[in-house]
């Protein structure tokens, strides 16, 4: 078998390889644009060599992953943060990075991570596409609000009702401001049907999955949040306990403690930003509709700050959804969560 450590870049890759049977080793730099990299791996396939490739998790590598899957080569994706801790010397080059990856694979010390499948990745594109379009629509609506406020009108949400839009179109504006208003309204009219179509697609995908429907029984959790949670977490068996969800999503505080002094900072934000955003939004929706969540949110907001309370409730929601998913139970106000999820609860614990 040939083991290859790949330091991947968008335009090229630096590799370090070893033939286990013969001990032959070497280094090479392969360009992507001229097909040199693809030719190299296809030649290995033609020679009948079994190949295992190791690389850090990175972007812009989908074509390379598809190529290795097509050729039947084994691919290991590593955690960049873990790999960085294995680098001893303060010398970082593409050549040394490839050698480090090769050494970790040889020593069976490679920090391999879970990789989503093609269907999962494609559904993530649906979620991200809708999310970005909603952000674009929000920016357009804010600009229209600014135009109205500059003319002395503060209509808030009423601006986008049928009556509010008619009043906005009647405003007497300067030539360029008038053109800006017209083109922003046209963009808004184009975005709304597209977002509705994508929202319907999300709801359709959610109905196909029992796990997603189960998570939707929790207050504040709709098809968008539930589907994103299942797609991004992948499988609950990846985590030993619910607390690891907060770490994975990046909703725990950063820490720099030493000599008995604890220093906590902002949340780490080391996870998926879309899931983090949706959990916070869903937690706020739950606080508006559910008395228990509203009581917890108000208690936290009075002790600390509203922004801290929102993130804390989002993290709590992520942990609850994990236990519901792992134990296969729907939400019920009378049930305990955590390791006792699904059991009837009392004020003093579990019955």
C-alpha atoms as a PDB file:
ATOM      1  CA  UNK A   1       0.000   0.000   0.000  1.00  0.00           C
ATOM      2  CA  UNK A   2       1.101   3.568  -0.694  1.00  0.00           C
ATOM      3  CA  UNK A   3       0.465   6.099   2.077  1.00  0.00           C
ATOM      4  CA  UNK A   4       0.287   9.724   0.941  1.00  0.00           C
ATOM      5  CA  UNK A   5       0.241  12.827   3.110  1.00  0.00           C
ATOM      6  CA  UNK A   6      -1.311  15.720   1.191  1.00  0.00           C
ATOM      7  CA  UNK A   7      -0.907  19.390   2.076  1.00  0.00           C
ATOM      8  CA  UNK A   8      -3.807  20.641  -0.042  1.00  0.00           C
ATOM      9  CA  UNK A   9      -4.132  24.108  -1.592  1.00  0.00           C
ATOM     10  CA  UNK A  10      -6.731  25.331  -4.124  1.00  0.00           C
ATOM     11  CA  UNK A  11      -4.213  25.472  -6.996  1.00  0.00           C
ATOM     12  CA  UNK A  12      -1.755  22.720  -6.054  1.00  0.00           C
ATOM     13  CA  UNK A  13      -0.893  20.084  -3.467  1.00  0.00           C
ATOM     14  CA  UNK A  14       2.386  19.090  -1.849  1.00  0.00           C
ATOM     15  CA  UNK A  15       2.606  15.359  -1.148  1.00  0.00           C
ATOM     16  CA  UNK A  16       4.899  13.041   0.792  1.00  0.00           C
ATOM     17  CA  UNK A  17       4.473   9.326   0.068  1.00  0.00           C
ATOM     18  CA  UNK A  18       5.731   5.959   1.298  1.00  0.00           C
ATOM     19  CA  UNK A  19       5.449   2.483  -0.241  1.00  0.00           C
ATOM     20  CA  UNK A  20       4.999   0.146   2.726  1.00  0.00           C
ATOM     21  CA  UNK A  21       6.174  -2.970   0.870  1.00  0.00           C
ATOM     22  CA  UNK A  22       9.430  -1.570  -0.531  1.00  0.00           C
ATOM     23  CA  UNK A  23      10.123   1.357   1.802  1.00  0.00           C
ATOM     24  CA  UNK A  24      10.341   3.702  -1.195  1.00  0.00           C
ATOM     25  CA  UNK A  25       9.521   7.293  -0.224  1.00  0.00           C
ATOM     26  CA  UNK A  26       9.490  10.675  -1.898  1.00  0.00           C
ATOM     27  CA  UNK A  27       8.003  14.135  -2.185  1.00  0.00           C
ATOM     28  CA  UNK A  28       6.313  15.938  -5.030  1.00  0.00           C
ATOM     29  CA  UNK A  29       4.275  19.022  -5.888  1.00  0.00           C
ATOM     30  CA  UNK A  30       1.233  18.493  -8.117  1.00  0.00           C
ATOM     31  CA  UNK A  31      -0.624  21.279  -9.929  1.00  0.00           C
ATOM     32  CA  UNK A  32      -4.389  21.140 -10.273  1.00  0.00           C
ATOM     33  CA  UNK A  33      -5.137  23.393 -13.248  1.00  0.00           C
ATOM     34  CA  UNK A  34      -3.057  21.444 -15.799  1.00  0.00           C
ATOM     35  CA  UNK A  35      -4.353  18.036 -14.660  1.00  0.00           C
ATOM     36  CA  UNK A  36      -1.032  16.937 -13.171  1.00  0.00           C
ATOM     37  CA  UNK A  37      -2.593  15.842  -9.880  1.00  0.00           C
ATOM     38  CA  UNK A  38      -5.393  13.859 -11.537  1.00  0.00           C
ATOM     39  CA  UNK A  39      -2.906  12.174 -13.882  1.00  0.00           C
ATOM     40  CA  UNK A  40      -0.706  11.149 -10.930  1.00  0.00           C
ATOM     41  CA  UNK A  41      -3.518   9.380  -9.069  1.00  0.00           C
ATOM     42  CA  UNK A  42      -4.952   7.733 -12.180  1.00  0.00           C
ATOM     43  CA  UNK A  43      -1.537   6.277 -12.973  1.00  0.00           C
ATOM     44  CA  UNK A  44      -1.421   4.766  -9.488  1.00  0.00           C
ATOM     45  CA  UNK A  45      -4.806   3.152 -10.172  1.00  0.00           C
ATOM     46  CA  UNK A  46      -3.584   1.753 -13.502  1.00  0.00           C
ATOM     47  CA  UNK A  47      -0.566   0.222 -11.749  1.00  0.00           C
ATOM     48  CA  UNK A  48      -2.932  -1.517  -9.299  1.00  0.00           C
ATOM     49  CA  UNK A  49      -1.494   0.180  -6.211  1.00  0.00           C
ATOM     50  CA  UNK A  50      -3.660   0.462  -3.099  1.00  0.00           C
ATOM     51  CA  UNK A  51      -3.554   4.032  -1.828  1.00  0.00           C
ATOM     52  CA  UNK A  52      -4.442   5.728   1.448  1.00  0.00           C
ATOM     53  CA  UNK A  53      -4.493   9.534   1.393  1.00  0.00           C
ATOM     54  CA  UNK A  54      -4.488  11.779   4.457  1.00  0.00           C
ATOM     55  CA  UNK A  55      -5.230  15.513   4.405  1.00  0.00           C
ATOM     56  CA  UNK A  56      -6.509  18.247   6.678  1.00  0.00           C
ATOM     57  CA  UNK A  57     -10.151  19.293   6.520  1.00  0.00           C
ATOM     58  CA  UNK A  58     -10.228  22.226   4.129  1.00  0.00           C
ATOM     59  CA  UNK A  59     -12.342  23.920   1.503  1.00  0.00           C
ATOM     60  CA  UNK A  60     -12.305  23.733  -2.294  1.00  0.00           C
ATOM     61  CA  UNK A  61     -11.439  20.028  -2.284  1.00  0.00           C
ATOM     62  CA  UNK A  62     -14.719  18.427  -3.380  1.00  0.00           C
ATOM     63  CA  UNK A  63     -13.384  17.508  -6.832  1.00  0.00           C
ATOM     64  CA  UNK A  64     -10.347  15.853  -5.252  1.00  0.00           C
ATOM     65  CA  UNK A  65     -12.482  13.833  -2.839  1.00  0.00           C
ATOM     66  CA  UNK A  66     -14.724  12.706  -5.720  1.00  0.00           C
ATOM     67  CA  UNK A  67     -11.652  11.685  -7.732  1.00  0.00           C
ATOM     68  CA  UNK A  68     -10.297   9.501  -4.918  1.00  0.00           C
ATOM     69  CA  UNK A  69     -13.729   7.926  -4.379  1.00  0.00           C
ATOM     70  CA  UNK A  70     -13.981   7.186  -8.112  1.00  0.00           C
ATOM     71  CA  UNK A  71     -10.564   5.499  -8.076  1.00  0.00           C
ATOM     72  CA  UNK A  72     -11.420   3.496  -4.954  1.00  0.00           C
ATOM     73  CA  UNK A  73      -8.670   5.069  -2.837  1.00  0.00           C
ATOM     74  CA  UNK A  74      -9.030   5.438   0.916  1.00  0.00           C
ATOM     75  CA  UNK A  75      -9.236   9.027   2.161  1.00  0.00           C
ATOM     76  CA  UNK A  76      -8.651  10.187   5.710  1.00  0.00           C
ATOM     77  CA  UNK A  77      -9.714  13.715   6.668  1.00  0.00           C
ATOM     78  CA  UNK A  78      -7.968  15.113   9.750  1.00  0.00           C
ATOM     79  CA  UNK A  79      -8.838  17.756  12.326  1.00  0.00           C
ATOM     80  CA  UNK A  80      -6.637  20.806  11.539  1.00  0.00           C
ATOM     81  CA  UNK A  81      -6.577  21.961  15.166  1.00  0.00           C
ATOM     82  CA  UNK A  82      -5.385  18.555  16.388  1.00  0.00           C
ATOM     83  CA  UNK A  83      -2.803  18.284  13.631  1.00  0.00           C
ATOM     84  CA  UNK A  84      -1.447  21.716  14.508  1.00  0.00           C
ATOM     85  CA  UNK A  85      -0.725  20.569  18.065  1.00  0.00           C
ATOM     86  CA  UNK A  86       1.458  17.723  16.734  1.00  0.00           C
ATOM     87  CA  UNK A  87       3.799  20.188  15.007  1.00  0.00           C
ATOM     88  CA  UNK A  88       6.820  20.552  17.313  1.00  0.00           C
ATOM     89  CA  UNK A  89       9.121  22.960  15.491  1.00  0.00           C
ATOM     90  CA  UNK A  90       8.144  26.530  14.690  1.00  0.00           C
ATOM     91  CA  UNK A  91       8.835  25.950  11.021  1.00  0.00           C
ATOM     92  CA  UNK A  92       5.831  25.598   8.742  1.00  0.00           C
ATOM     93  CA  UNK A  93       6.223  24.831   5.052  1.00  0.00           C
ATOM     94  CA  UNK A  94       4.121  22.854   2.596  1.00  0.00           C
ATOM     95  CA  UNK A  95       6.808  20.171   2.496  1.00  0.00           C
ATOM     96  CA  UNK A  96       6.944  19.807   6.288  1.00  0.00           C
ATOM     97  CA  UNK A  97       3.144  19.759   6.545  1.00  0.00           C
ATOM     98  CA  UNK A  98       2.936  16.869   4.068  1.00  0.00           C
ATOM     99  CA  UNK A  99       5.663  15.013   5.971  1.00  0.00           C
ATOM    100  CA  UNK A 100       3.794  15.537   9.246  1.00  0.00           C
ATOM    101  CA  UNK A 101       0.579  14.102   7.799  1.00  0.00           C
ATOM    102  CA  UNK A 102       2.477  11.095   6.472  1.00  0.00           C
ATOM    103  CA  UNK A 103       4.159  10.499   9.831  1.00  0.00           C
ATOM    104  CA  UNK A 104       0.856  10.669  11.724  1.00  0.00           C
ATOM    105  CA  UNK A 105      -0.674   8.103   9.369  1.00  0.00           C
ATOM    106  CA  UNK A 106       2.304   5.756   9.717  1.00  0.00           C
ATOM    107  CA  UNK A 107       2.130   5.966  13.522  1.00  0.00           C
ATOM    108  CA  UNK A 108      -1.667   5.391  13.563  1.00  0.00           C
ATOM    109  CA  UNK A 109      -1.928   8.760  15.306  1.00  0.00           C
ATOM    110  CA  UNK A 110      -3.888  10.586  12.613  1.00  0.00           C
ATOM    111  CA  UNK A 111      -6.820  12.597  14.123  1.00  0.00           C
ATOM    112  CA  UNK A 112      -9.450  11.375  11.665  1.00  0.00           C
ATOM    113  CA  UNK A 113     -12.849  13.090  11.724  1.00  0.00           C
ATOM    114  CA  UNK A 114     -16.342  12.241  10.492  1.00  0.00           C
ATOM    115  CA  UNK A 115     -17.078  13.307   6.924  1.00  0.00           C
ATOM    116  CA  UNK A 116     -20.657  13.833   5.641  1.00  0.00           C
ATOM    117  CA  UNK A 117     -21.826  11.947   2.576  1.00  0.00           C
ATOM    118  CA  UNK A 118     -22.739  13.445  -0.820  1.00  0.00           C
ATOM    119  CA  UNK A 119     -26.488  13.644  -0.068  1.00  0.00           C
ATOM    120  CA  UNK A 120     -25.814  15.346   3.257  1.00  0.00           C
ATOM    121  CA  UNK A 121     -23.534  17.907   1.623  1.00  0.00           C
ATOM    122  CA  UNK A 122     -26.063  18.633  -1.094  1.00  0.00           C
ATOM    123  CA  UNK A 123     -28.818  19.276   1.452  1.00  0.00           C
ATOM    124  CA  UNK A 124     -26.463  21.608   3.295  1.00  0.00           C
ATOM    125  CA  UNK A 125     -26.197  23.588   0.068  1.00  0.00           C
ATOM    126  CA  UNK A 126     -29.991  23.968   0.111  1.00  0.00           C
ATOM    127  CA  UNK A 127     -29.886  25.254   3.689  1.00  0.00           C
ATOM    128  CA  UNK A 128     -27.002  27.633   3.038  1.00  0.00           C
ATOM    129  CA  UNK A 129     -28.538  28.924  -0.201  1.00  0.00           C
ATOM    130  CA  UNK A 130     -31.817  29.789   1.504  1.00  0.00           C
ATOM    131  CA  UNK A 131     -29.984  31.345   4.454  1.00  0.00           C
ATOM    132  CA  UNK A 132     -27.886  33.614   2.211  1.00  0.00           C
ATOM    133  CA  UNK A 133     -30.905  34.705   0.176  1.00  0.00           C
ATOM    134  CA  UNK A 134     -32.793  35.583   3.366  1.00  0.00           C
ATOM    135  CA  UNK A 135     -29.807  37.669   4.451  1.00  0.00           C
ATOM    136  CA  UNK A 136     -29.843  39.450   1.084  1.00  0.00           C
ATOM    137  CA  UNK A 137     -33.568  40.133   1.444  1.00  0.00           C
ATOM    138  CA  UNK A 138     -33.034  41.540   4.936  1.00  0.00           C
ATOM    139  CA  UNK A 139     -30.362  43.932   3.653  1.00  0.00           C
ATOM    140  CA  UNK A 140     -32.684  45.109   0.874  1.00  0.00           C
ATOM    141  CA  UNK A 141     -35.559  45.646   3.308  1.00  0.00           C
ATOM    142  CA  UNK A 142     -33.281  47.615   5.636  1.00  0.00           C
ATOM    143  CA  UNK A 143     -32.270  49.891   2.763  1.00  0.00           C
ATOM    144  CA  UNK A 144     -35.910  50.519   1.893  1.00  0.00           C
ATOM    145  CA  UNK A 145     -36.619  51.317   5.537  1.00  0.00           C
ATOM    146  CA  UNK A 146     -33.746  53.829   5.463  1.00  0.00           C
ATOM    147  CA  UNK A 147     -35.183  55.513   2.370  1.00  0.00           C
ATOM    148  CA  UNK A 148     -38.553  55.899   4.080  1.00  0.00           C
ATOM    149  CA  UNK A 149     -37.030  57.150   7.343  1.00  0.00           C
ATOM    150  CA  UNK A 150     -34.999  59.768   5.467  1.00  0.00           C
ATOM    151  CA  UNK A 151     -38.323  61.158   4.254  1.00  0.00           C
ATOM    152  CA  UNK A 152     -39.737  61.235   7.784  1.00  0.00           C
ATOM    153  CA  UNK A 153     -41.735  57.987   7.709  1.00  0.00           C
ATOM    154  CA  UNK A 154     -41.196  55.175  10.206  1.00  0.00           C
ATOM    155  CA  UNK A 155     -43.534  52.348   9.253  1.00  0.00           C
ATOM    156  CA  UNK A 156     -41.456  49.359  10.430  1.00  0.00           C
ATOM    157  CA  UNK A 157     -43.109  46.099   9.306  1.00  0.00           C
ATOM    158  CA  UNK A 158     -46.081  47.946   7.827  1.00  0.00           C
ATOM    159  CA  UNK A 159     -43.775  49.245   5.098  1.00  0.00           C
ATOM    160  CA  UNK A 160     -43.896  45.842   3.392  1.00  0.00           C
ATOM    161  CA  UNK A 161     -47.652  45.444   3.518  1.00  0.00           C
ATOM    162  CA  UNK A 162     -49.670  46.235   0.409  1.00  0.00           C
ATOM    163  CA  UNK A 163     -50.680  49.631   1.781  1.00  0.00           C
ATOM    164  CA  UNK A 164     -47.182  50.453   3.039  1.00  0.00           C
ATOM    165  CA  UNK A 165     -45.581  49.601  -0.284  1.00  0.00           C
ATOM    166  CA  UNK A 166     -48.053  51.815  -2.120  1.00  0.00           C
ATOM    167  CA  UNK A 167     -47.150  54.717   0.166  1.00  0.00           C
ATOM    168  CA  UNK A 168     -43.429  54.037  -0.352  1.00  0.00           C
ATOM    169  CA  UNK A 169     -43.848  54.138  -4.131  1.00  0.00           C
ATOM    170  CA  UNK A 170     -45.698  57.475  -3.886  1.00  0.00           C
ATOM    171  CA  UNK A 171     -42.866  59.214  -2.037  1.00  0.00           C
ATOM    172  CA  UNK A 172     -41.333  62.063  -4.010  1.00  0.00           C
ATOM    173  CA  UNK A 173     -37.600  61.334  -4.222  1.00  0.00           C
ATOM    174  CA  UNK A 174     -34.622  62.728  -6.103  1.00  0.00           C
ATOM    175  CA  UNK A 175     -33.803  60.990  -9.423  1.00  0.00           C
ATOM    176  CA  UNK A 176     -31.092  58.625  -8.174  1.00  0.00           C
ATOM    177  CA  UNK A 177     -32.917  57.894  -4.927  1.00  0.00           C
ATOM    178  CA  UNK A 178     -36.026  57.098  -6.963  1.00  0.00           C
ATOM    179  CA  UNK A 179     -34.059  54.708  -9.152  1.00  0.00           C
ATOM    180  CA  UNK A 180     -32.567  53.069  -6.080  1.00  0.00           C
ATOM    181  CA  UNK A 181     -36.056  52.559  -4.616  1.00  0.00           C
ATOM    182  CA  UNK A 182     -37.340  51.049  -7.855  1.00  0.00           C
ATOM    183  CA  UNK A 183     -34.443  48.605  -8.262  1.00  0.00           C
ATOM    184  CA  UNK A 184     -34.519  47.551  -4.609  1.00  0.00           C
ATOM    185  CA  UNK A 185     -38.234  46.785  -4.898  1.00  0.00           C
ATOM    186  CA  UNK A 186     -37.565  44.777  -8.062  1.00  0.00           C
ATOM    187  CA  UNK A 187     -34.869  42.768  -6.284  1.00  0.00           C
ATOM    188  CA  UNK A 188     -37.241  42.155  -3.388  1.00  0.00           C
ATOM    189  CA  UNK A 189     -39.930  40.912  -5.781  1.00  0.00           C
ATOM    190  CA  UNK A 190     -37.425  38.504  -7.333  1.00  0.00           C
ATOM    191  CA  UNK A 191     -36.146  37.156  -4.023  1.00  0.00           C
ATOM    192  CA  UNK A 192     -39.485  36.475  -2.321  1.00  0.00           C
ATOM    193  CA  UNK A 193     -40.707  33.708  -4.702  1.00  0.00           C
ATOM    194  CA  UNK A 194     -37.272  32.051  -4.691  1.00  0.00           C
ATOM    195  CA  UNK A 195     -37.132  32.000  -0.892  1.00  0.00           C
ATOM    196  CA  UNK A 196     -40.662  30.586  -0.736  1.00  0.00           C
ATOM    197  CA  UNK A 197     -39.656  27.833  -3.160  1.00  0.00           C
ATOM    198  CA  UNK A 198     -36.560  26.949  -1.123  1.00  0.00           C
ATOM    199  CA  UNK A 199     -38.577  26.996   2.099  1.00  0.00           C
ATOM    200  CA  UNK A 200     -41.046  24.532   0.573  1.00  0.00           C
ATOM    201  CA  UNK A 201     -38.108  22.312  -0.446  1.00  0.00           C
ATOM    202  CA  UNK A 202     -36.778  22.373   3.128  1.00  0.00           C
ATOM    203  CA  UNK A 203     -40.200  21.400   4.490  1.00  0.00           C
ATOM    204  CA  UNK A 204     -40.453  18.577   1.959  1.00  0.00           C
ATOM    205  CA  UNK A 205     -37.035  17.198   2.937  1.00  0.00           C
ATOM    206  CA  UNK A 206     -37.954  17.469   6.616  1.00  0.00           C
ATOM    207  CA  UNK A 207     -41.111  15.394   6.136  1.00  0.00           C
ATOM    208  CA  UNK A 208     -39.037  12.544   4.669  1.00  0.00           C
ATOM    209  CA  UNK A 209     -37.010  12.073   7.860  1.00  0.00           C
ATOM    210  CA  UNK A 210     -38.555  10.724  11.098  1.00  0.00           C
ATOM    211  CA  UNK A 211     -35.674  12.099  13.192  1.00  0.00           C
ATOM    212  CA  UNK A 212     -36.343  15.606  11.899  1.00  0.00           C
ATOM    213  CA  UNK A 213     -40.080  15.312  12.582  1.00  0.00           C
ATOM    214  CA  UNK A 214     -39.325  14.166  16.125  1.00  0.00           C
ATOM    215  CA  UNK A 215     -37.117  17.182  16.815  1.00  0.00           C
ATOM    216  CA  UNK A 216     -39.837  19.476  15.454  1.00  0.00           C
ATOM    217  CA  UNK A 217     -42.057  18.516  18.412  1.00  0.00           C
ATOM    218  CA  UNK A 218     -39.897  20.748  20.637  1.00  0.00           C
ATOM    219  CA  UNK A 219     -41.257  24.298  21.092  1.00  0.00           C
ATOM    220  CA  UNK A 220     -39.635  26.817  18.778  1.00  0.00           C
ATOM    221  CA  UNK A 221     -38.074  24.209  16.476  1.00  0.00           C
ATOM    222  CA  UNK A 222     -39.316  24.254  12.888  1.00  0.00           C
ATOM    223  CA  UNK A 223     -38.325  22.241   9.810  1.00  0.00           C
ATOM    224  CA  UNK A 224     -35.372  24.510   9.008  1.00  0.00           C
ATOM    225  CA  UNK A 225     -33.709  24.197  12.421  1.00  0.00           C
ATOM    226  CA  UNK A 226     -34.480  20.482  12.783  1.00  0.00           C
ATOM    227  CA  UNK A 227     -33.200  19.591   9.307  1.00  0.00           C
ATOM    228  CA  UNK A 228     -30.038  21.669   9.762  1.00  0.00           C
ATOM    229  CA  UNK A 229     -29.422  20.015  13.140  1.00  0.00           C
ATOM    230  CA  UNK A 230     -29.675  16.495  11.730  1.00  0.00           C
ATOM    231  CA  UNK A 231     -27.582  17.290   8.645  1.00  0.00           C
ATOM    232  CA  UNK A 232     -24.777  19.068  10.520  1.00  0.00           C
ATOM    233  CA  UNK A 233     -24.575  16.798  13.576  1.00  0.00           C
ATOM    234  CA  UNK A 234     -24.776  13.741  11.328  1.00  0.00           C
ATOM    235  CA  UNK A 235     -25.427  11.058  13.929  1.00  0.00           C
ATOM    236  CA  UNK A 236     -25.852  11.306  17.728  1.00  0.00           C
ATOM    237  CA  UNK A 237     -23.467   8.388  18.261  1.00  0.00           C
ATOM    238  CA  UNK A 238     -20.573  10.729  17.412  1.00  0.00           C
ATOM    239  CA  UNK A 239     -20.913  12.310  20.862  1.00  0.00           C
ATOM    240  CA  UNK A 240     -20.689  10.701  24.287  1.00  0.00           C
ATOM    241  CA  UNK A 241     -22.854  13.279  26.051  1.00  0.00           C
ATOM    242  CA  UNK A 242     -24.949  16.347  25.377  1.00  0.00           C
ATOM    243  CA  UNK A 243     -22.299  18.758  26.669  1.00  0.00           C
ATOM    244  CA  UNK A 244     -20.112  17.926  23.675  1.00  0.00           C
ATOM    245  CA  UNK A 245     -22.765  19.434  21.397  1.00  0.00           C
ATOM    246  CA  UNK A 246     -22.115  22.884  22.853  1.00  0.00           C
ATOM    247  CA  UNK A 247     -18.401  22.470  22.207  1.00  0.00           C
ATOM    248  CA  UNK A 248     -18.931  21.171  18.670  1.00  0.00           C
ATOM    249  CA  UNK A 249     -21.209  24.047  17.703  1.00  0.00           C
ATOM    250  CA  UNK A 250     -18.909  26.621  19.340  1.00  0.00           C
ATOM    251  CA  UNK A 251     -21.361  27.864  21.971  1.00  0.00           C
ATOM    252  CA  UNK A 252     -19.089  27.483  25.005  1.00  0.00           C
ATOM    253  CA  UNK A 253     -16.935  30.332  26.351  1.00  0.00           C
ATOM    254  CA  UNK A 254     -13.287  30.541  25.428  1.00  0.00           C
ATOM    255  CA  UNK A 255     -11.001  30.162  28.433  1.00  0.00           C
ATOM    256  CA  UNK A 256      -7.544  31.383  29.395  1.00  0.00           C
ATOM    257  CA  UNK A 257      -7.103  30.255  33.001  1.00  0.00           C
ATOM    258  CA  UNK A 258      -3.864  29.859  34.905  1.00  0.00           C
ATOM    259  CA  UNK A 259      -2.489  29.846  38.470  1.00  0.00           C
ATOM    260  CA  UNK A 260      -5.916  29.357  40.006  1.00  0.00           C
ATOM    261  CA  UNK A 261      -7.448  32.289  38.130  1.00  0.00           C
ATOM    262  CA  UNK A 262     -10.287  31.531  35.739  1.00  0.00           C
ATOM    263  CA  UNK A 263     -10.658  33.855  32.762  1.00  0.00           C
ATOM    264  CA  UNK A 264     -13.634  33.256  30.486  1.00  0.00           C
ATOM    265  CA  UNK A 265     -14.100  35.121  27.234  1.00  0.00           C
ATOM    266  CA  UNK A 266     -16.529  35.186  24.328  1.00  0.00           C
ATOM    267  CA  UNK A 267     -17.926  31.969  22.902  1.00  0.00           C
ATOM    268  CA  UNK A 268     -15.427  30.015  20.822  1.00  0.00           C
ATOM    269  CA  UNK A 269     -17.463  30.056  17.565  1.00  0.00           C
ATOM    270  CA  UNK A 270     -15.481  27.010  16.408  1.00  0.00           C
ATOM    271  CA  UNK A 271     -18.452  25.175  14.949  1.00  0.00           C
ATOM    272  CA  UNK A 272     -20.945  25.577  12.140  1.00  0.00           C
ATOM    273  CA  UNK A 273     -22.136  29.193  12.093  1.00  0.00           C
ATOM    274  CA  UNK A 274     -25.472  28.346  10.433  1.00  0.00           C
ATOM    275  CA  UNK A 275     -26.472  25.827  13.100  1.00  0.00           C
ATOM    276  CA  UNK A 276     -25.346  28.201  15.846  1.00  0.00           C
ATOM    277  CA  UNK A 277     -27.521  30.974  14.362  1.00  0.00           C
ATOM    278  CA  UNK A 278     -30.560  28.709  13.980  1.00  0.00           C
ATOM    279  CA  UNK A 279     -30.313  27.345  17.534  1.00  0.00           C
ATOM    280  CA  UNK A 280     -30.276  30.865  18.987  1.00  0.00           C
ATOM    281  CA  UNK A 281     -33.232  31.894  16.803  1.00  0.00           C
ATOM    282  CA  UNK A 282     -35.201  28.763  17.730  1.00  0.00           C
ATOM    283  CA  UNK A 283     -34.466  29.261  21.434  1.00  0.00           C
ATOM    284  CA  UNK A 284     -35.866  32.805  21.245  1.00  0.00           C
ATOM    285  CA  UNK A 285     -38.984  31.470  19.508  1.00  0.00           C
ATOM    286  CA  UNK A 286     -39.349  28.869  22.274  1.00  0.00           C
ATOM    287  CA  UNK A 287     -38.992  31.583  24.937  1.00  0.00           C
ATOM    288  CA  UNK A 288     -41.846  33.528  23.333  1.00  0.00           C
ATOM    289  CA  UNK A 289     -44.232  30.569  23.135  1.00  0.00           C
ATOM    290  CA  UNK A 290     -43.299  28.279  26.043  1.00  0.00           C
ATOM    291  CA  UNK A 291     -43.697  29.414  29.695  1.00  0.00           C
ATOM    292  CA  UNK A 292     -40.839  27.219  30.951  1.00  0.00           C
ATOM    293  CA  UNK A 293     -38.384  28.580  28.404  1.00  0.00           C
ATOM    294  CA  UNK A 294     -39.574  32.152  28.963  1.00  0.00           C
ATOM    295  CA  UNK A 295     -38.981  31.807  32.708  1.00  0.00           C
ATOM    296  CA  UNK A 296     -35.450  30.450  32.187  1.00  0.00           C
ATOM    297  CA  UNK A 297     -34.625  33.138  29.645  1.00  0.00           C
ATOM    298  CA  UNK A 298     -35.828  35.993  31.874  1.00  0.00           C
ATOM    299  CA  UNK A 299     -33.883  34.569  34.824  1.00  0.00           C
ATOM    300  CA  UNK A 300     -30.651  34.453  32.797  1.00  0.00           C
ATOM    301  CA  UNK A 301     -31.231  37.879  31.253  1.00  0.00           C
ATOM    302  CA  UNK A 302     -31.686  39.459  34.686  1.00  0.00           C
ATOM    303  CA  UNK A 303     -28.533  37.815  36.053  1.00  0.00           C
ATOM    304  CA  UNK A 304     -26.260  38.516  33.082  1.00  0.00           C
ATOM    305  CA  UNK A 305     -27.318  40.134  29.816  1.00  0.00           C
ATOM    306  CA  UNK A 306     -29.861  39.476  27.072  1.00  0.00           C
ATOM    307  CA  UNK A 307     -27.204  38.502  24.531  1.00  0.00           C
ATOM    308  CA  UNK A 308     -25.624  36.021  26.955  1.00  0.00           C
ATOM    309  CA  UNK A 309     -29.053  34.614  27.821  1.00  0.00           C
ATOM    310  CA  UNK A 310     -29.891  34.078  24.147  1.00  0.00           C
ATOM    311  CA  UNK A 311     -26.709  32.103  23.504  1.00  0.00           C
ATOM    312  CA  UNK A 312     -27.142  30.103  26.719  1.00  0.00           C
ATOM    313  CA  UNK A 313     -30.681  29.128  25.755  1.00  0.00           C
ATOM    314  CA  UNK A 314     -29.501  28.216  22.265  1.00  0.00           C
ATOM    315  CA  UNK A 315     -26.876  25.916  23.743  1.00  0.00           C
ATOM    316  CA  UNK A 316     -29.476  24.365  26.057  1.00  0.00           C
ATOM    317  CA  UNK A 317     -31.748  23.757  23.086  1.00  0.00           C
ATOM    318  CA  UNK A 318     -28.918  22.044  21.199  1.00  0.00           C
ATOM    319  CA  UNK A 319     -28.320  19.693  24.144  1.00  0.00           C
ATOM    320  CA  UNK A 320     -32.030  18.895  24.468  1.00  0.00           C
ATOM    321  CA  UNK A 321     -32.367  18.090  20.783  1.00  0.00           C
ATOM    322  CA  UNK A 322     -29.363  15.781  21.091  1.00  0.00           C
ATOM    323  CA  UNK A 323     -30.988  13.730  23.862  1.00  0.00           C
ATOM    324  CA  UNK A 324     -34.333  13.623  22.048  1.00  0.00           C
ATOM    325  CA  UNK A 325     -32.599  12.355  18.915  1.00  0.00           C
ATOM    326  CA  UNK A 326     -30.328   9.871  20.667  1.00  0.00           C
ATOM    327  CA  UNK A 327     -33.115   8.309  22.738  1.00  0.00           C
ATOM    328  CA  UNK A 328     -35.789   8.515  20.046  1.00  0.00           C
ATOM    329  CA  UNK A 329     -38.431  10.376  22.054  1.00  0.00           C
ATOM    330  CA  UNK A 330     -40.596  13.364  21.221  1.00  0.00           C
ATOM    331  CA  UNK A 331     -40.832  16.469  23.386  1.00  0.00           C
ATOM    332  CA  UNK A 332     -43.185  16.519  26.353  1.00  0.00           C
ATOM    333  CA  UNK A 333     -43.247  19.058  29.220  1.00  0.00           C
ATOM    334  CA  UNK A 334     -43.537  16.198  31.733  1.00  0.00           C
ATOM    335  CA  UNK A 335     -40.365  14.434  30.565  1.00  0.00           C
ATOM    336  CA  UNK A 336     -36.879  14.840  31.959  1.00  0.00           C
ATOM    337  CA  UNK A 337     -33.952  15.625  29.676  1.00  0.00           C
ATOM    338  CA  UNK A 338     -30.284  14.789  29.841  1.00  0.00           C
ATOM    339  CA  UNK A 339     -29.370  11.158  30.490  1.00  0.00           C
ATOM    340  CA  UNK A 340     -32.900  10.597  31.858  1.00  0.00           C
ATOM    341  CA  UNK A 341     -34.599  11.788  28.683  1.00  0.00           C
ATOM    342  CA  UNK A 342     -37.917  10.105  28.033  1.00  0.00           C
ATOM    343  CA  UNK A 343     -38.624   9.339  31.715  1.00  0.00           C
ATOM    344  CA  UNK A 344     -41.366  11.020  33.698  1.00  0.00           C
ATOM    345  CA  UNK A 345     -39.984  13.803  35.851  1.00  0.00           C
ATOM    346  CA  UNK A 346     -40.936  15.324  39.187  1.00  0.00           C
ATOM    347  CA  UNK A 347     -39.773  18.399  40.994  1.00  0.00           C
ATOM    348  CA  UNK A 348     -37.115  16.309  42.747  1.00  0.00           C
ATOM    349  CA  UNK A 349     -35.840  14.213  39.841  1.00  0.00           C
ATOM    350  CA  UNK A 350     -37.132  11.153  38.027  1.00  0.00           C
ATOM    351  CA  UNK A 351     -40.013   8.939  39.084  1.00  0.00           C
END
